[in-house]
Amino acid sequence: MDREKVRQLLEAVAKGVLDPERALARLRDLPVEDLRFARVDLHRSLRHGVPEAVFCQGKTAAQVLAIVTRLAESHDNILATRADAAVIDALTESGLECAVHAEARLVVVKPRAQEGVGLMVIVSAGTSDMPVAEEAAVTAEAMGNRVERVYDCGVAGLHRLVPHLDRLNEANVIVAVAGMEGALPSVIGGLVDRPVIAVPTSVGYGASFGGVAALLAMLNSCAPGVSVVNIDNGYGAAAQANQINKLAAKIR
């Protein structure tokens, strides 16, 4: 469906000829736009409530810029994840409004502050896990969630986690980020009655196998209510937590 047909749909709604819910249903089925090297989903926000994100790793800076520029025509808070220096330079020099989050390796294009809903808590086991934790936190904030960070609270010193239990119990969802042996999500899952999304990181010595040890530990967690995303996938954890948090906020 092209822009002219979209305009006609909107006119039909304005005139009362078409019910808004039926119009929205048609809009949700709109096809993607073909840029030859990428098929850009311009309507993810209608289906999921957030615009398409661009995973930059493996793409050239020119390809990322072309995709982001098209998305920016009709969306705010576009996420460019795993952005390297070349991608960051291309975006910041393009004239598009950008917020660069270097530690998270992420750029928010056309950033727009919004009042976050609910409460999501991002917990990291160690300072070395912060890049992944920040990817989750910045992503969640761009998606419209209220986020609080609790960092460097790993199981090597549980006394660092205990003071934050009240806040963890107030959250609608918790994202727990850990490398090494990956025990933090199990500990949190055993202490609170909130869904915990575990994120294994590639932090650790040789036998951690680049995060595989933490991933397997989290998958084998005996704590109920713990789910697991892929290694270093802060974005994926934030996307899942966003859906949980917003559903919980509606119920309350």
C-alpha atoms as a PDB file:
ATOM      1  CA  MET A   1       0.000   0.000   0.000  1.00  0.00           C
ATOM      2  CA  ASP A   2       1.516   3.326  -1.068  1.00  0.00           C
ATOM      3  CA  ARG A   3       1.229   6.754   0.561  1.00  0.00           C
ATOM      4  CA  GLU A   4      -1.750   7.741  -1.589  1.00  0.00           C
ATOM      5  CA  LYS A   5      -3.741   4.787  -0.335  1.00  0.00           C
ATOM      6  CA  VAL A   6      -2.745   5.622   3.229  1.00  0.00           C
ATOM      7  CA  ARG A   7      -4.028   9.167   2.672  1.00  0.00           C
ATOM      8  CA  GLN A   8      -7.297   7.779   1.353  1.00  0.00           C
ATOM      9  CA  LEU A   9      -7.674   5.587   4.421  1.00  0.00           C
ATOM     10  CA  LEU A  10      -7.149   8.554   6.720  1.00  0.00           C
ATOM     11  CA  GLU A  11      -9.672  10.626   4.780  1.00  0.00           C
ATOM     12  CA  ALA A  12     -12.219   7.821   5.048  1.00  0.00           C
ATOM     13  CA  VAL A  13     -11.749   7.767   8.824  1.00  0.00           C
ATOM     14  CA  ALA A  14     -12.063  11.559   9.051  1.00  0.00           C
ATOM     15  CA  LYS A  15     -15.319  11.457   7.082  1.00  0.00           C
ATOM     16  CA  GLY A  16     -16.720   8.663   9.225  1.00  0.00           C
ATOM     17  CA  VAL A  17     -16.894   6.274   6.285  1.00  0.00           C
ATOM     18  CA  LEU A  18     -14.376   3.851   7.821  1.00  0.00           C
ATOM     19  CA  ASP A  19     -14.139   2.738  11.414  1.00  0.00           C
ATOM     20  CA  PRO A  20     -10.748   3.710  13.004  1.00  0.00           C
ATOM     21  CA  GLU A  21     -10.178   0.159  14.242  1.00  0.00           C
ATOM     22  CA  ARG A  22     -10.647  -1.270  10.747  1.00  0.00           C
ATOM     23  CA  ALA A  23      -8.327   1.367   9.312  1.00  0.00           C
ATOM     24  CA  LEU A  24      -5.676   0.514  11.900  1.00  0.00           C
ATOM     25  CA  ALA A  25      -6.010  -3.178  11.046  1.00  0.00           C
ATOM     26  CA  ARG A  26      -5.334  -2.388   7.386  1.00  0.00           C
ATOM     27  CA  LEU A  27      -2.369  -0.186   8.241  1.00  0.00           C
ATOM     28  CA  ARG A  28      -0.821  -2.955  10.309  1.00  0.00           C
ATOM     29  CA  ASP A  29      -0.615  -5.112   7.210  1.00  0.00           C
ATOM     30  CA  LEU A  30       1.270  -2.579   5.117  1.00  0.00           C
ATOM     31  CA  PRO A  31       4.288  -4.002   3.290  1.00  0.00           C
ATOM     32  CA  VAL A  32       7.856  -3.003   3.938  1.00  0.00           C
ATOM     33  CA  GLU A  33       9.799  -0.586   1.751  1.00  0.00           C
ATOM     34  CA  ASP A  34      12.422  -2.167  -0.477  1.00  0.00           C
ATOM     35  CA  LEU A  35      15.785  -0.359  -0.501  1.00  0.00           C
ATOM     36  CA  ARG A  36      17.290  -3.254  -2.514  1.00  0.00           C
ATOM     37  CA  PHE A  37      19.829  -4.085   0.195  1.00  0.00           C
ATOM     38  CA  ALA A  38      17.230  -3.878   2.986  1.00  0.00           C
ATOM     39  CA  ARG A  39      13.482  -4.223   3.352  1.00  0.00           C
ATOM     40  CA  VAL A  40      12.564  -1.561   5.883  1.00  0.00           C
ATOM     41  CA  ASP A  41       9.599  -2.258   8.141  1.00  0.00           C
ATOM     42  CA  LEU A  42       7.935   1.138   8.492  1.00  0.00           C
ATOM     43  CA  HIS A  43       4.973  -0.138  10.476  1.00  0.00           C
ATOM     44  CA  ARG A  44       6.489  -2.064  13.340  1.00  0.00           C
ATOM     45  CA  SER A  45       5.402   0.738  15.671  1.00  0.00           C
ATOM     46  CA  LEU A  46       1.757   0.027  14.781  1.00  0.00           C
ATOM     47  CA  ARG A  47       2.174  -3.633  15.687  1.00  0.00           C
ATOM     48  CA  HIS A  48       4.657  -3.490  18.550  1.00  0.00           C
ATOM     49  CA  GLY A  49       4.392   0.086  19.813  1.00  0.00           C
ATOM     50  CA  VAL A  50       8.023   0.891  18.962  1.00  0.00           C
ATOM     51  CA  PRO A  51       9.743   1.633  15.631  1.00  0.00           C
ATOM     52  CA  GLU A  52      12.115  -0.678  13.833  1.00  0.00           C
ATOM     53  CA  ALA A  53      15.623  -0.898  15.307  1.00  0.00           C
ATOM     54  CA  VAL A  54      18.713  -1.144  13.118  1.00  0.00           C
ATOM     55  CA  PHE A  55      21.357  -3.726  14.007  1.00  0.00           C
ATOM     56  CA  CYS A  56      24.489  -2.090  12.586  1.00  0.00           C
ATOM     57  CA  GLN A  57      27.010  -4.893  12.918  1.00  0.00           C
ATOM     58  CA  GLY A  58      27.772  -6.335   9.484  1.00  0.00           C
ATOM     59  CA  LYS A  59      26.258  -3.362   7.641  1.00  0.00           C
ATOM     60  CA  THR A  60      28.226  -0.555   6.027  1.00  0.00           C
ATOM     61  CA  ALA A  61      27.865   2.950   7.402  1.00  0.00           C
ATOM     62  CA  ALA A  62      26.133   3.976   4.162  1.00  0.00           C
ATOM     63  CA  GLN A  63      23.585   1.171   4.481  1.00  0.00           C
ATOM     64  CA  VAL A  64      22.802   2.070   8.101  1.00  0.00           C
ATOM     65  CA  LEU A  65      22.423   5.724   7.201  1.00  0.00           C
ATOM     66  CA  ALA A  66      20.035   4.947   4.336  1.00  0.00           C
ATOM     67  CA  ILE A  67      17.829   2.756   6.551  1.00  0.00           C
ATOM     68  CA  VAL A  68      17.817   5.189   9.456  1.00  0.00           C
ATOM     69  CA  THR A  69      17.106   8.170   7.199  1.00  0.00           C
ATOM     70  CA  ARG A  70      14.022   6.430   5.814  1.00  0.00           C
ATOM     71  CA  LEU A  71      12.792   5.497   9.288  1.00  0.00           C
ATOM     72  CA  ALA A  72      13.387   9.027  10.551  1.00  0.00           C
ATOM     73  CA  GLU A  73      10.889  10.424   8.065  1.00  0.00           C
ATOM     74  CA  SER A  74       8.040   9.195  10.264  1.00  0.00           C
ATOM     75  CA  HIS A  75       9.510   7.949  13.555  1.00  0.00           C
ATOM     76  CA  ASP A  76      11.304   9.209  16.645  1.00  0.00           C
ATOM     77  CA  ASN A  77      13.632   7.309  19.011  1.00  0.00           C
ATOM     78  CA  ILE A  78      15.114   5.102  16.305  1.00  0.00           C
ATOM     79  CA  LEU A  79      17.724   2.743  17.704  1.00  0.00           C
ATOM     80  CA  ALA A  80      20.960   1.984  15.884  1.00  0.00           C
ATOM     81  CA  THR A  81      22.495  -0.835  17.925  1.00  0.00           C
ATOM     82  CA  ARG A  82      26.063  -2.205  17.872  1.00  0.00           C
ATOM     83  CA  ALA A  83      27.179   0.997  16.205  1.00  0.00           C
ATOM     84  CA  ASP A  84      30.928   1.236  15.536  1.00  0.00           C
ATOM     85  CA  ALA A  85      32.917   4.444  15.048  1.00  0.00           C
ATOM     86  CA  ALA A  86      32.229   4.609  11.298  1.00  0.00           C
ATOM     87  CA  VAL A  87      28.477   4.281  11.805  1.00  0.00           C
ATOM     88  CA  ILE A  88      28.472   6.833  14.619  1.00  0.00           C
ATOM     89  CA  ASP A  89      30.387   9.312  12.452  1.00  0.00           C
ATOM     90  CA  ALA A  90      28.030   8.777   9.509  1.00  0.00           C
ATOM     91  CA  LEU A  91      24.944   9.337  11.653  1.00  0.00           C
ATOM     92  CA  THR A  92      26.228  12.367  13.562  1.00  0.00           C
ATOM     93  CA  GLU A  93      27.505  14.023  10.383  1.00  0.00           C
ATOM     94  CA  SER A  94      24.272  13.391   8.462  1.00  0.00           C
ATOM     95  CA  GLY A  95      22.333  16.271   9.978  1.00  0.00           C
ATOM     96  CA  LEU A  96      19.970  13.927  11.786  1.00  0.00           C
ATOM     97  CA  GLU A  97      19.506  14.636  15.467  1.00  0.00           C
ATOM     98  CA  CYS A  98      21.449  11.952  17.333  1.00  0.00           C
ATOM     99  CA  ALA A  99      22.153  10.966  20.921  1.00  0.00           C
ATOM    100  CA  VAL A 100      25.274   8.810  21.095  1.00  0.00           C
ATOM    101  CA  HIS A 101      25.574   6.337  23.960  1.00  0.00           C
ATOM    102  CA  ALA A 102      29.146   5.174  23.534  1.00  0.00           C
ATOM    103  CA  GLU A 103      29.211   2.685  26.391  1.00  0.00           C
ATOM    104  CA  ALA A 104      26.059   1.011  25.093  1.00  0.00           C
ATOM    105  CA  ARG A 105      27.434   1.075  21.511  1.00  0.00           C
ATOM    106  CA  LEU A 106      24.103   2.588  20.538  1.00  0.00           C
ATOM    107  CA  VAL A 107      22.794   5.716  18.844  1.00  0.00           C
ATOM    108  CA  VAL A 108      19.270   7.056  19.315  1.00  0.00           C
ATOM    109  CA  VAL A 109      18.222   8.989  16.214  1.00  0.00           C
ATOM    110  CA  LYS A 110      15.630  11.751  16.668  1.00  0.00           C
ATOM    111  CA  PRO A 111      15.634  11.225  20.446  1.00  0.00           C
ATOM    112  CA  ARG A 112      12.469  12.398  22.171  1.00  0.00           C
ATOM    113  CA  ALA A 113      12.129  12.388  25.925  1.00  0.00           C
ATOM    114  CA  GLN A 114       8.946  10.788  27.176  1.00  0.00           C
ATOM    115  CA  GLU A 115       7.478  10.069  30.554  1.00  0.00           C
ATOM    116  CA  GLY A 116       8.365   6.473  31.257  1.00  0.00           C
ATOM    117  CA  VAL A 117       5.659   4.069  32.368  1.00  0.00           C
ATOM    118  CA  GLY A 118       5.825   1.388  35.032  1.00  0.00           C
ATOM    119  CA  LEU A 119       9.184   0.429  36.495  1.00  0.00           C
ATOM    120  CA  MET A 120      11.932  -1.727  35.033  1.00  0.00           C
ATOM    121  CA  VAL A 121      15.125  -2.381  36.984  1.00  0.00           C
ATOM    122  CA  ILE A 122      18.361  -3.245  35.196  1.00  0.00           C
ATOM    123  CA  VAL A 123      20.853  -5.074  37.432  1.00  0.00           C
ATOM    124  CA  SER A 124      24.430  -5.850  36.458  1.00  0.00           C
ATOM    125  CA  ALA A 125      26.710  -8.277  38.242  1.00  0.00           C
ATOM    126  CA  GLY A 126      29.901  -6.305  37.635  1.00  0.00           C
ATOM    127  CA  THR A 127      31.230  -3.108  36.139  1.00  0.00           C
ATOM    128  CA  SER A 128      32.502  -5.139  33.159  1.00  0.00           C
ATOM    129  CA  ASP A 129      28.896  -6.052  32.351  1.00  0.00           C
ATOM    130  CA  MET A 130      27.824  -2.409  32.076  1.00  0.00           C
ATOM    131  CA  PRO A 131      28.040  -2.073  28.261  1.00  0.00           C
ATOM    132  CA  VAL A 132      25.380  -4.776  27.860  1.00  0.00           C
ATOM    133  CA  ALA A 133      23.372  -3.421  30.800  1.00  0.00           C
ATOM    134  CA  GLU A 134      23.479   0.066  29.295  1.00  0.00           C
ATOM    135  CA  GLU A 135      22.308  -1.250  25.932  1.00  0.00           C
ATOM    136  CA  ALA A 136      19.303  -2.673  27.752  1.00  0.00           C
ATOM    137  CA  ALA A 137      18.694   0.466  29.802  1.00  0.00           C
ATOM    138  CA  VAL A 138      18.980   2.971  26.945  1.00  0.00           C
ATOM    139  CA  THR A 139      16.829   0.778  24.705  1.00  0.00           C
ATOM    140  CA  ALA A 140      14.144   0.472  27.368  1.00  0.00           C
ATOM    141  CA  GLU A 141      14.108   4.219  27.987  1.00  0.00           C
ATOM    142  CA  ALA A 142      13.799   4.945  24.258  1.00  0.00           C
ATOM    143  CA  MET A 143      10.827   2.568  24.202  1.00  0.00           C
ATOM    144  CA  GLY A 144       9.065   4.631  26.869  1.00  0.00           C
ATOM    145  CA  ASN A 145       9.795   2.778  30.105  1.00  0.00           C
ATOM    146  CA  ARG A 146      10.831   4.117  33.493  1.00  0.00           C
ATOM    147  CA  VAL A 147      14.190   2.525  34.151  1.00  0.00           C
ATOM    148  CA  GLU A 148      16.372   2.330  37.227  1.00  0.00           C
ATOM    149  CA  ARG A 149      19.912   1.002  37.176  1.00  0.00           C
ATOM    150  CA  VAL A 150      21.504  -1.108  39.921  1.00  0.00           C
ATOM    151  CA  TYR A 151      25.072  -1.904  38.918  1.00  0.00           C
ATOM    152  CA  ASP A 152      27.938  -3.967  40.335  1.00  0.00           C
ATOM    153  CA  CYS A 153      25.813  -6.201  42.556  1.00  0.00           C
ATOM    154  CA  GLY A 154      27.168  -9.636  41.682  1.00  0.00           C
ATOM    155  CA  VAL A 155      27.108 -12.768  43.805  1.00  0.00           C
ATOM    156  CA  ALA A 156      30.741 -12.309  44.859  1.00  0.00           C
ATOM    157  CA  GLY A 157      29.378  -9.736  47.301  1.00  0.00           C
ATOM    158  CA  LEU A 158      25.670 -10.214  47.918  1.00  0.00           C
ATOM    159  CA  HIS A 159      25.690  -7.468  50.535  1.00  0.00           C
ATOM    160  CA  ARG A 160      25.771  -5.079  47.549  1.00  0.00           C
ATOM    161  CA  LEU A 161      22.447  -6.427  46.281  1.00  0.00           C
ATOM    162  CA  VAL A 162      20.506  -6.656  49.555  1.00  0.00           C
ATOM    163  CA  PRO A 163      19.980  -2.881  49.990  1.00  0.00           C
ATOM    164  CA  HIS A 164      18.120  -2.799  46.661  1.00  0.00           C
ATOM    165  CA  LEU A 165      15.596  -5.576  47.381  1.00  0.00           C
ATOM    166  CA  ASP A 166      12.762  -3.149  48.099  1.00  0.00           C
ATOM    167  CA  ARG A 167      13.239  -1.537  44.689  1.00  0.00           C
ATOM    168  CA  LEU A 168      13.446  -4.926  42.976  1.00  0.00           C
ATOM    169  CA  ASN A 169      10.149  -5.896  44.576  1.00  0.00           C
ATOM    170  CA  GLU A 170       8.530  -2.725  43.208  1.00  0.00           C
ATOM    171  CA  ALA A 171       9.590  -3.410  39.614  1.00  0.00           C
ATOM    172  CA  ASN A 172       7.254  -4.882  37.029  1.00  0.00           C
ATOM    173  CA  VAL A 173      10.214  -6.691  35.470  1.00  0.00           C
ATOM    174  CA  ILE A 174      13.921  -7.094  36.171  1.00  0.00           C
ATOM    175  CA  VAL A 175      16.739  -7.476  33.662  1.00  0.00           C
ATOM    176  CA  ALA A 176      19.736  -9.223  35.260  1.00  0.00           C
ATOM    177  CA  VAL A 177      23.017  -8.978  33.355  1.00  0.00           C
ATOM    178  CA  ALA A 178      25.950 -11.209  34.312  1.00  0.00           C
ATOM    179  CA  GLY A 179      29.028 -12.900  32.925  1.00  0.00           C
ATOM    180  CA  MET A 180      31.468 -15.289  34.637  1.00  0.00           C
ATOM    181  CA  GLU A 181      29.315 -18.079  36.162  1.00  0.00           C
ATOM    182  CA  GLY A 182      26.061 -16.204  35.497  1.00  0.00           C
ATOM    183  CA  ALA A 183      24.505 -16.811  38.928  1.00  0.00           C
ATOM    184  CA  LEU A 184      22.942 -13.386  39.520  1.00  0.00           C
ATOM    185  CA  PRO A 185      19.561 -13.998  37.781  1.00  0.00           C
ATOM    186  CA  SER A 186      19.007 -17.195  39.801  1.00  0.00           C
ATOM    187  CA  VAL A 187      19.712 -15.359  43.045  1.00  0.00           C
ATOM    188  CA  ILE A 188      17.332 -12.520  42.149  1.00  0.00           C
ATOM    189  CA  GLY A 189      14.701 -14.977  40.920  1.00  0.00           C
ATOM    190  CA  GLY A 190      14.780 -16.707  44.279  1.00  0.00           C
ATOM    191  CA  LEU A 191      14.293 -13.455  46.194  1.00  0.00           C
ATOM    192  CA  VAL A 192      11.480 -11.669  44.337  1.00  0.00           C
ATOM    193  CA  ASP A 193       8.132 -12.527  42.734  1.00  0.00           C
ATOM    194  CA  ARG A 194       8.857 -10.551  39.552  1.00  0.00           C
ATOM    195  CA  PRO A 195       9.749 -11.848  36.086  1.00  0.00           C
ATOM    196  CA  VAL A 196      13.518 -11.871  35.623  1.00  0.00           C
ATOM    197  CA  ILE A 197      15.090 -11.669  32.182  1.00  0.00           C
ATOM    198  CA  ALA A 198      18.620 -13.048  32.314  1.00  0.00           C
ATOM    199  CA  VAL A 199      21.301 -11.707  29.985  1.00  0.00           C
ATOM    200  CA  PRO A 200      24.560 -13.656  29.843  1.00  0.00           C
ATOM    201  CA  THR A 201      27.592 -11.605  28.855  1.00  0.00           C
ATOM    202  CA  SER A 202      30.838 -12.639  27.234  1.00  0.00           C
ATOM    203  CA  VAL A 203      32.766 -11.363  30.272  1.00  0.00           C
ATOM    204  CA  GLY A 204      34.970 -13.959  31.943  1.00  0.00           C
ATOM    205  CA  TYR A 205      38.155 -15.999  31.827  1.00  0.00           C
ATOM    206  CA  GLY A 206      38.880 -18.783  29.337  1.00  0.00           C
ATOM    207  CA  ALA A 207      36.509 -21.427  30.658  1.00  0.00           C
ATOM    208  CA  SER A 208      33.601 -18.997  30.378  1.00  0.00           C
ATOM    209  CA  PHE A 209      33.822 -19.692  26.611  1.00  0.00           C
ATOM    210  CA  GLY A 210      32.765 -16.194  25.633  1.00  0.00           C
ATOM    211  CA  GLY A 211      29.590 -16.277  27.692  1.00  0.00           C
ATOM    212  CA  VAL A 212      28.517 -19.859  26.959  1.00  0.00           C
ATOM    213  CA  ALA A 213      29.101 -20.866  30.590  1.00  0.00           C
ATOM    214  CA  ALA A 214      26.834 -18.054  31.832  1.00  0.00           C
ATOM    215  CA  LEU A 215      24.228 -18.861  29.170  1.00  0.00           C
ATOM    216  CA  LEU A 216      24.052 -22.523  30.176  1.00  0.00           C
ATOM    217  CA  ALA A 217      23.917 -21.650  33.870  1.00  0.00           C
ATOM    218  CA  MET A 218      21.002 -19.283  33.267  1.00  0.00           C
ATOM    219  CA  LEU A 219      19.161 -21.784  31.076  1.00  0.00           C
ATOM    220  CA  ASN A 220      19.502 -24.300  33.914  1.00  0.00           C
ATOM    221  CA  SER A 221      18.348 -21.905  36.623  1.00  0.00           C
ATOM    222  CA  CYS A 222      16.247 -23.531  39.323  1.00  0.00           C
ATOM    223  CA  ALA A 223      14.626 -20.194  40.211  1.00  0.00           C
ATOM    224  CA  PRO A 224      11.075 -19.903  38.818  1.00  0.00           C
ATOM    225  CA  GLY A 225      10.246 -16.984  36.562  1.00  0.00           C
ATOM    226  CA  VAL A 226      13.668 -16.618  34.939  1.00  0.00           C
ATOM    227  CA  SER A 227      13.830 -16.359  31.143  1.00  0.00           C
ATOM    228  CA  VAL A 228      17.029 -16.039  29.118  1.00  0.00           C
ATOM    229  CA  VAL A 229      18.114 -14.131  26.012  1.00  0.00           C
ATOM    230  CA  ASN A 230      21.237 -14.630  23.936  1.00  0.00           C
ATOM    231  CA  ILE A 231      24.777 -13.688  24.942  1.00  0.00           C
ATOM    232  CA  ASP A 232      25.316  -9.909  25.185  1.00  0.00           C
ATOM    233  CA  ASN A 233      21.774  -9.275  23.879  1.00  0.00           C
ATOM    234  CA  GLY A 234      20.832  -6.234  25.945  1.00  0.00           C
ATOM    235  CA  TYR A 235      18.520  -5.022  23.189  1.00  0.00           C
ATOM    236  CA  GLY A 236      16.538  -8.267  23.116  1.00  0.00           C
ATOM    237  CA  ALA A 237      16.155  -8.264  26.889  1.00  0.00           C
ATOM    238  CA  ALA A 238      14.899  -4.675  26.829  1.00  0.00           C
ATOM    239  CA  ALA A 239      12.384  -5.439  24.076  1.00  0.00           C
ATOM    240  CA  GLN A 240      10.930  -8.345  26.058  1.00  0.00           C
ATOM    241  CA  ALA A 241      10.953  -6.366  29.297  1.00  0.00           C
ATOM    242  CA  ASN A 242       9.224  -3.458  27.531  1.00  0.00           C
ATOM    243  CA  GLN A 243       6.259  -5.667  26.666  1.00  0.00           C
ATOM    244  CA  ILE A 244       6.008  -7.074  30.190  1.00  0.00           C
ATOM    245  CA  ASN A 245       6.329  -3.683  31.850  1.00  0.00           C
ATOM    246  CA  LYS A 246       3.723  -1.992  29.687  1.00  0.00           C
ATOM    247  CA  LEU A 247       1.227  -4.813  30.099  1.00  0.00           C
ATOM    248  CA  ALA A 248       1.717  -4.686  33.869  1.00  0.00           C
ATOM    249  CA  ALA A 249       1.322  -0.895  33.881  1.00  0.00           C
ATOM    250  CA  LYS A 250      -2.006  -1.229  32.029  1.00  0.00           C
ATOM    251  CA  ILE A 251      -3.299  -3.765  34.519  1.00  0.00           C
ATOM    252  CA  ARG A 252      -2.411  -1.566  37.453  1.00  0.00           C
END
